[in-house]
Amino acid sequence: MEPYYYTKMSKPQQAVYYAIYQGLMALSDSFQVPKLEGRELSDVFFQLRLDHPEIFWAEGFHYRYYQDSANITFLPEYIFEKGKIKEHQKALKARVEKLVRPAMKLSEWEKEKYVHDFICENVHYDKLKKSYSHEIIGPLGQGVGVCEGIAKSVKVLCDALGIWCMIAICGNNPEKGIKYRHTWNIVKIGGTYYHLDATFDNTLGKHSFGAKEIRYDYFNLDDKNIFRDHEPLIAPAPACTDGDHFYYKEKKMSFTKTEDVYKRSLQAAKKGKMLTFHWRGGYLTRAVLDELLDLIKKAGAEKGKVARIALNWPQAVLRLEYVEDGQENVTMEEANEGEQE
């Protein structure tokens, strides 16, 4: 399977990509690569590392440029000394093999869910931004990571399970208060491309009550839905046009009728179970939301309980639980990392 970003490059860029890959894998201190302009060189290096998240040790580079030479000398920056890199490589290889072993015989969709759930259950979003949080060593080795490290870990695990997976990247948007670029994944399940943002699901799961319940608000979204709360991509990616295999839709938890919301809320109040559902009966406007909240409260009142509700508005997902006493409340959830900085 050819790495995705590699396939989108020109022949000269591919030659540079290959030379850098060889040099990094050999842990060389310096090596020759064909000449490219600085900006282009940076892009090739960056995208190579999205294609090969197993290369966790190279965080940057310098280069030496010679007037009449067709090559430049590439000087990578490594985050550990070489003996340490080899130790980490060995430990991570064993860790990945151990993690994927129980999932080898599952279907593609179940493998994807297995990887997603592993992240949501075992990785803490790292507010301290240690250098390894951006690499697989954070989530897989230390149980901490930021979006880049999480997306790279998802890719490494999907690669090991034979699922096509790439890392998608969008820009920042200071005007909206989005300070950082965000990374997530695109996977190919049953021959079709979908967005999978394990970081957003992970941060949601930690925010709302009942942190033991995993969220799937960003599991197999199409382009239309992911870009409701993600900035536009800054690097090429396959189009995701299928909105029919979104997690809550697959699980019959995507409602188009208000009476379904009422019925399921009543069941949740009666059984004392948490309910998470997606609304797709038209846009979730303020008026529609008020109607849904009234029905949820009414269902609770019939069982002598009050509702605590968490709402992911851009994705129209509501999570609720009923409690015997206390204040009724609605928490707006934001699955972005800005909340976490």
Protein backbone atom coordinates (compact mmCIF):
# COMPACT_ATOMS: atom_id res chain seq x y z
CA MET A 1 0.00 0.00 0.00
CA GLU A 2 1.72 3.20 -1.15
CA PRO A 3 1.76 5.95 1.48
CA TYR A 4 -0.97 8.50 0.69
CA TYR A 5 0.97 11.77 0.68
CA TYR A 6 3.79 10.17 -1.32
CA THR A 7 1.34 9.38 -4.12
CA LYS A 8 0.36 13.08 -4.34
CA MET A 9 3.94 14.31 -4.85
CA SER A 10 5.86 15.19 -8.01
CA LYS A 11 8.70 12.90 -9.13
CA PRO A 12 11.42 15.25 -7.73
CA GLN A 13 9.56 15.46 -4.39
CA GLN A 14 9.25 11.67 -4.30
CA ALA A 15 13.00 11.33 -4.81
CA VAL A 16 13.61 13.65 -1.84
CA TYR A 17 10.99 11.81 0.24
CA TYR A 18 12.72 8.48 -0.43
CA ALA A 19 16.19 9.86 0.40
CA ILE A 20 14.95 11.36 3.69
CA TYR A 21 13.12 8.15 4.59
CA GLN A 22 16.27 6.07 4.04
CA GLY A 23 18.39 8.48 6.08
CA LEU A 24 15.95 8.64 9.01
CA MET A 25 15.50 4.87 9.13
CA ALA A 26 19.28 4.47 9.22
CA LEU A 27 19.43 7.08 12.03
CA SER A 28 22.07 8.96 10.02
CA ASP A 29 23.38 12.26 11.40
CA SER A 30 23.53 13.76 7.92
CA PHE A 31 22.88 12.58 4.37
CA GLN A 32 22.51 13.87 0.83
CA VAL A 33 19.10 14.56 -0.69
CA PRO A 34 18.24 16.09 -4.08
CA LYS A 35 17.89 19.87 -3.94
CA LEU A 36 14.46 21.39 -3.27
CA GLU A 37 13.47 24.85 -2.11
CA GLY A 38 13.28 25.21 1.69
CA ARG A 39 9.49 25.45 1.91
CA GLU A 40 8.98 22.48 -0.37
CA LEU A 41 11.56 20.51 1.59
CA SER A 42 9.69 21.24 4.83
CA ASP A 43 6.41 20.05 3.30
CA VAL A 44 7.98 16.80 2.07
CA PHE A 45 9.51 16.15 5.51
CA PHE A 46 6.22 16.94 7.30
CA GLN A 47 4.08 14.79 5.01
CA LEU A 48 6.57 11.91 5.10
CA ARG A 49 6.14 11.86 8.87
CA LEU A 50 2.35 11.75 8.49
CA ASP A 51 2.76 8.79 6.12
CA HIS A 52 5.24 7.13 8.50
CA PRO A 53 4.22 7.85 12.09
CA GLU A 54 6.48 4.99 13.18
CA ILE A 55 9.36 7.48 12.67
CA PHE A 56 8.80 9.13 16.05
CA TRP A 57 12.38 10.29 16.62
CA ALA A 58 12.81 13.00 13.96
CA GLU A 59 11.22 16.27 14.98
CA GLY A 60 12.92 18.74 12.65
CA PHE A 61 15.94 19.34 10.44
CA HIS A 62 18.52 21.82 9.15
CA TYR A 63 20.19 21.64 5.78
CA ARG A 64 23.31 22.85 4.04
CA TYR A 65 22.99 24.25 0.60
CA TYR A 66 25.83 24.34 -1.95
CA GLN A 67 25.77 26.73 -4.87
CA ASP A 68 26.59 24.37 -7.74
CA SER A 69 25.52 21.03 -6.29
CA ALA A 70 22.41 19.09 -7.32
CA ASN A 71 22.11 17.92 -3.68
CA ILE A 72 21.82 19.42 -0.24
CA THR A 73 23.09 17.98 3.02
CA PHE A 74 20.16 17.10 5.26
CA LEU A 75 20.77 17.28 9.03
CA PRO A 76 17.88 15.74 10.98
CA GLU A 77 17.11 16.64 14.60
CA TYR A 78 16.41 13.60 16.77
CA ILE A 79 14.52 13.83 20.07
CA PHE A 80 16.53 11.02 21.68
CA GLU A 81 20.04 9.71 21.31
CA LYS A 82 20.36 6.68 19.06
CA GLY A 83 20.57 3.98 21.72
CA LYS A 84 17.38 5.33 23.26
CA ILE A 85 15.64 5.47 19.86
CA LYS A 86 16.39 1.78 19.34
CA GLU A 87 15.05 0.90 22.80
CA HIS A 88 11.86 2.86 22.14
CA GLN A 89 11.50 1.29 18.68
CA LYS A 90 11.69 -2.17 20.16
CA ALA A 91 9.25 -1.37 22.98
CA LEU A 92 6.74 0.29 20.62
CA LYS A 93 6.90 -2.58 18.12
CA ALA A 94 6.11 -5.05 20.91
CA ARG A 95 3.37 -2.76 22.26
CA VAL A 96 1.66 -2.42 18.86
CA GLU A 97 1.83 -6.19 18.24
CA LYS A 98 0.34 -6.89 21.63
CA LEU A 99 -2.42 -4.30 21.19
CA VAL A 100 -3.58 -5.48 17.78
CA ARG A 101 -3.41 -9.21 18.48
CA PRO A 102 -6.94 -9.50 19.99
CA ALA A 103 -8.44 -7.59 17.03
CA MET A 104 -6.85 -9.43 14.13
CA LYS A 105 -9.90 -11.55 13.29
CA LEU A 106 -12.49 -8.76 13.59
CA SER A 107 -14.25 -7.12 10.63
CA GLU A 108 -12.87 -3.82 9.30
CA TRP A 109 -15.52 -1.80 11.10
CA GLU A 110 -14.89 -3.63 14.39
CA LYS A 111 -11.14 -3.10 14.01
CA GLU A 112 -11.72 0.61 13.52
CA LYS A 113 -13.91 0.71 16.62
CA TYR A 114 -11.32 -1.26 18.59
CA VAL A 115 -8.62 1.32 17.76
CA HIS A 116 -10.94 4.25 18.51
CA ASP A 117 -12.01 2.74 21.85
CA PHE A 118 -8.43 2.01 22.83
CA ILE A 119 -7.58 5.72 22.42
CA CYS A 120 -10.68 6.88 24.30
CA GLU A 121 -10.09 4.49 27.19
CA ASN A 122 -6.32 4.74 27.56
CA VAL A 123 -5.02 8.09 26.36
CA HIS A 124 -5.20 11.34 28.29
CA TYR A 125 -5.08 14.56 26.35
CA ASP A 126 -1.71 16.09 27.25
CA LYS A 127 -2.07 19.73 28.21
CA LEU A 128 1.66 20.03 28.89
CA LYS A 129 2.57 19.34 25.28
CA LYS A 130 5.71 17.32 25.91
CA SER A 131 7.73 16.78 22.74
CA TYR A 132 6.69 13.13 22.55
CA SER A 133 2.96 14.02 22.82
CA HIS A 134 3.10 14.78 19.08
CA GLU A 135 4.50 11.32 18.36
CA ILE A 136 3.22 7.74 18.81
CA ILE A 137 5.50 7.38 21.80
CA GLY A 138 3.13 9.64 23.79
CA PRO A 139 -0.20 7.81 23.38
CA LEU A 140 1.23 4.29 22.91
CA GLY A 141 4.15 4.53 25.33
CA GLN A 142 3.04 7.01 27.99
CA GLY A 143 -0.76 7.11 27.62
CA VAL A 144 -0.73 10.86 26.85
CA GLY A 145 -0.91 12.82 23.62
CA VAL A 146 -2.18 15.77 21.63
CA CYS A 147 -4.17 15.41 18.40
CA GLU A 148 -1.10 14.82 16.23
CA GLY A 149 0.23 12.02 18.44
CA ILE A 150 -3.25 10.51 18.69
CA ALA A 151 -3.84 10.60 14.90
CA LYS A 152 -0.40 9.04 14.33
CA SER A 153 -1.18 6.29 16.87
CA VAL A 154 -4.53 5.56 15.18
CA LYS A 155 -2.67 5.22 11.87
CA VAL A 156 0.02 2.93 13.28
CA LEU A 157 -2.64 0.65 14.82
CA CYS A 158 -4.81 0.68 11.67
CA ASP A 159 -1.73 -0.08 9.53
CA ALA A 160 -0.94 -3.05 11.79
CA LEU A 161 -4.55 -4.26 11.42
CA GLY A 162 -4.53 -3.88 7.63
CA ILE A 163 -6.98 -0.95 7.53
CA TRP A 164 -6.27 1.83 5.03
CA CYS A 165 -5.74 4.98 7.07
CA MET A 166 -4.21 8.42 6.55
CA ILE A 167 -3.72 11.51 8.69
CA ALA A 168 -5.78 14.56 7.72
CA ILE A 169 -4.64 18.02 8.72
CA CYS A 170 -6.42 21.37 8.84
CA GLY A 171 -5.16 24.87 9.50
CA ASN A 172 -5.58 27.07 12.53
CA ASN A 173 -7.97 30.03 12.55
CA PRO A 174 -6.93 32.76 15.02
CA GLU A 175 -10.09 34.77 14.26
CA LYS A 176 -12.17 31.93 15.66
CA GLY A 177 -9.77 31.44 18.54
CA ILE A 178 -8.38 28.24 16.99
CA LYS A 179 -4.68 28.55 17.76
CA TYR A 180 -3.41 25.21 16.54
CA ARG A 181 -3.60 23.04 13.49
CA HIS A 182 -5.68 19.96 14.11
CA THR A 183 -5.03 16.43 12.91
CA TRP A 184 -7.35 13.44 12.69
CA ASN A 185 -7.74 10.40 10.41
CA ILE A 186 -9.48 9.28 7.28
CA VAL A 187 -10.09 5.55 7.08
CA LYS A 188 -11.34 3.31 4.31
CA ILE A 189 -13.98 0.87 5.48
CA GLY A 190 -15.73 -1.41 2.98
CA GLY A 191 -14.01 0.48 0.16
CA THR A 192 -15.42 3.86 1.29
CA TYR A 193 -13.63 6.80 2.95
CA TYR A 194 -14.76 8.25 6.31
CA HIS A 195 -13.48 10.79 8.80
CA LEU A 196 -12.51 9.48 12.23
CA ASP A 197 -11.51 11.96 14.92
CA ALA A 198 -10.53 9.98 18.01
CA THR A 199 -9.16 13.13 19.73
CA PHE A 200 -12.51 14.92 19.60
CA ASP A 201 -14.39 11.84 20.85
CA ASN A 202 -11.78 11.43 23.58
CA THR A 203 -12.11 15.05 24.80
CA LEU A 204 -15.93 14.82 24.71
CA GLY A 205 -15.92 11.59 26.69
CA LYS A 206 -13.78 13.25 29.35
CA HIS A 207 -15.92 16.39 29.57
CA SER A 208 -19.37 14.95 29.98
CA PHE A 209 -20.60 13.13 33.04
CA GLY A 210 -20.18 9.37 33.07
CA ALA A 211 -16.66 9.49 31.65
CA LYS A 212 -16.76 5.70 31.34
CA GLU A 213 -19.08 6.00 28.35
CA ILE A 214 -17.17 6.38 25.08
CA ARG A 215 -18.41 8.93 22.56
CA TYR A 216 -18.74 8.29 18.82
CA ASP A 217 -19.73 11.76 17.60
CA TYR A 218 -16.80 11.75 15.15
CA PHE A 219 -16.86 8.10 14.04
CA ASN A 220 -17.28 7.75 10.26
CA LEU A 221 -18.44 11.23 9.33
CA ASP A 222 -18.68 12.53 5.79
CA ASP A 223 -17.11 15.82 4.65
CA LYS A 224 -20.31 17.80 5.14
CA ASN A 225 -20.54 16.91 8.82
CA ILE A 226 -16.88 16.93 9.85
CA PHE A 227 -16.41 20.46 8.52
CA ARG A 228 -19.16 21.78 10.75
CA ASP A 229 -16.53 22.11 13.45
CA HIS A 230 -13.23 21.41 11.68
CA GLU A 231 -11.30 23.95 9.62
CA PRO A 232 -10.59 23.27 5.90
CA LEU A 233 -7.78 20.85 5.07
CA ILE A 234 -4.35 22.24 4.23
CA ALA A 235 -3.07 19.08 2.54
CA PRO A 236 -4.72 16.75 0.00
CA ALA A 237 -7.14 14.06 1.25
CA PRO A 238 -9.72 11.72 -0.30
CA ALA A 239 -13.32 13.00 -0.44
CA CYS A 240 -15.63 11.40 2.13
CA THR A 241 -19.08 11.47 0.59
CA ASP A 242 -20.97 8.72 2.43
CA GLY A 243 -22.99 9.91 5.41
CA ASP A 244 -24.89 6.66 5.87
CA HIS A 245 -22.44 4.79 8.06
CA PHE A 246 -22.03 7.34 10.82
CA TYR A 247 -21.79 5.46 14.13
CA TYR A 248 -25.12 6.53 15.67
CA LYS A 249 -26.91 5.85 12.41
CA GLU A 250 -25.45 2.33 12.28
CA LYS A 251 -26.54 1.78 15.87
CA LYS A 252 -30.09 3.05 15.21
CA MET A 253 -29.48 5.95 17.59
CA SER A 254 -29.99 8.67 15.00
CA PHE A 255 -33.55 9.99 15.27
CA THR A 256 -35.66 11.95 12.81
CA LYS A 257 -38.89 12.00 14.84
CA THR A 258 -39.52 13.82 18.11
CA GLU A 259 -41.64 10.92 19.39
CA ASP A 260 -38.60 8.62 19.14
CA VAL A 261 -36.64 11.02 21.32
CA TYR A 262 -39.49 11.03 23.86
CA LYS A 263 -39.87 7.22 23.85
CA ARG A 264 -36.14 6.55 24.26
CA SER A 265 -35.87 9.22 26.98
CA LEU A 266 -38.72 7.57 28.87
CA GLN A 267 -36.92 4.21 28.70
CA ALA A 268 -33.69 5.82 29.91
CA ALA A 269 -35.48 7.48 32.84
CA LYS A 270 -37.18 4.23 33.77
CA LYS A 271 -34.03 2.08 33.62
CA GLY A 272 -31.64 4.70 34.98
CA LYS A 273 -29.48 4.29 31.89
CA MET A 274 -27.55 6.93 30.00
CA LEU A 275 -28.85 7.81 26.54
CA THR A 276 -26.74 9.20 23.70
CA PHE A 277 -28.44 9.97 20.41
CA HIS A 278 -28.00 11.95 17.20
CA TRP A 279 -30.71 14.24 15.81
CA ARG A 280 -31.16 14.32 12.06
CA GLY A 281 -34.75 15.47 11.70
CA GLY A 282 -33.59 18.64 9.98
CA TYR A 283 -31.23 21.27 11.36
CA LEU A 284 -30.84 21.44 15.10
CA THR A 285 -32.03 25.02 15.43
CA ARG A 286 -32.69 26.69 18.79
CA ALA A 287 -36.43 26.02 18.37
CA VAL A 288 -35.91 22.33 17.55
CA LEU A 289 -33.50 21.99 20.46
CA ASP A 290 -36.02 23.57 22.86
CA GLU A 291 -38.65 21.11 21.70
CA LEU A 292 -36.32 18.15 22.26
CA LEU A 293 -35.30 19.44 25.70
CA ASP A 294 -38.96 19.82 26.70
CA LEU A 295 -39.65 16.21 25.69
CA ILE A 296 -36.58 14.98 27.57
CA LYS A 297 -37.67 16.88 30.71
CA LYS A 298 -41.25 15.64 30.35
CA ALA A 299 -40.05 12.02 30.14
CA GLY A 300 -38.02 12.54 33.33
CA ALA A 301 -40.89 14.21 35.17
CA GLU A 302 -43.09 11.18 34.50
CA LYS A 303 -40.58 9.05 36.39
CA GLY A 304 -39.91 11.66 39.08
CA LYS A 305 -36.42 12.41 37.78
CA VAL A 306 -34.52 15.36 36.35
CA ALA A 307 -32.30 15.29 33.27
CA ARG A 308 -28.68 16.25 33.01
CA ILE A 309 -27.90 16.87 29.38
CA ALA A 310 -24.65 17.36 27.46
CA LEU A 311 -24.96 18.75 23.95
CA ASN A 312 -22.51 18.65 21.04
CA TRP A 313 -24.33 21.21 18.93
CA PRO A 314 -22.28 21.16 15.69
CA GLN A 315 -22.80 17.39 15.39
CA ALA A 316 -26.34 17.40 16.84
CA VAL A 317 -25.51 14.75 19.45
CA LEU A 318 -27.15 14.78 22.89
CA ARG A 319 -26.17 12.71 25.89
CA LEU A 320 -28.45 12.58 28.88
CA GLU A 321 -28.88 10.85 32.18
CA TYR A 322 -31.69 11.10 34.72
CA VAL A 323 -31.07 11.64 38.39
CA GLU A 324 -33.43 11.48 41.38
CA ASP A 325 -32.65 14.94 42.63
CA GLY A 326 -30.59 17.97 41.76
CA GLN A 327 -30.82 20.72 39.20
CA GLU A 328 -31.76 20.13 35.64
CA ASN A 329 -28.88 21.33 33.50
CA VAL A 330 -27.70 21.48 29.91
CA THR A 331 -23.96 21.58 29.29
CA MET A 332 -22.67 22.77 25.94
CA GLU A 333 -19.78 20.54 24.97
CA GLU A 334 -16.99 21.57 22.70
CA ALA A 335 -14.83 18.86 21.32
CA ASN A 336 -12.07 21.17 20.29
CA GLU A 337 -8.60 21.27 21.63
CA GLY A 338 -8.74 25.00 22.29
CA GLU A 339 -10.68 24.08 25.41
CA GLN A 340 -7.74 22.04 26.50
CA GLU A 341 -4.79 24.31 25.95
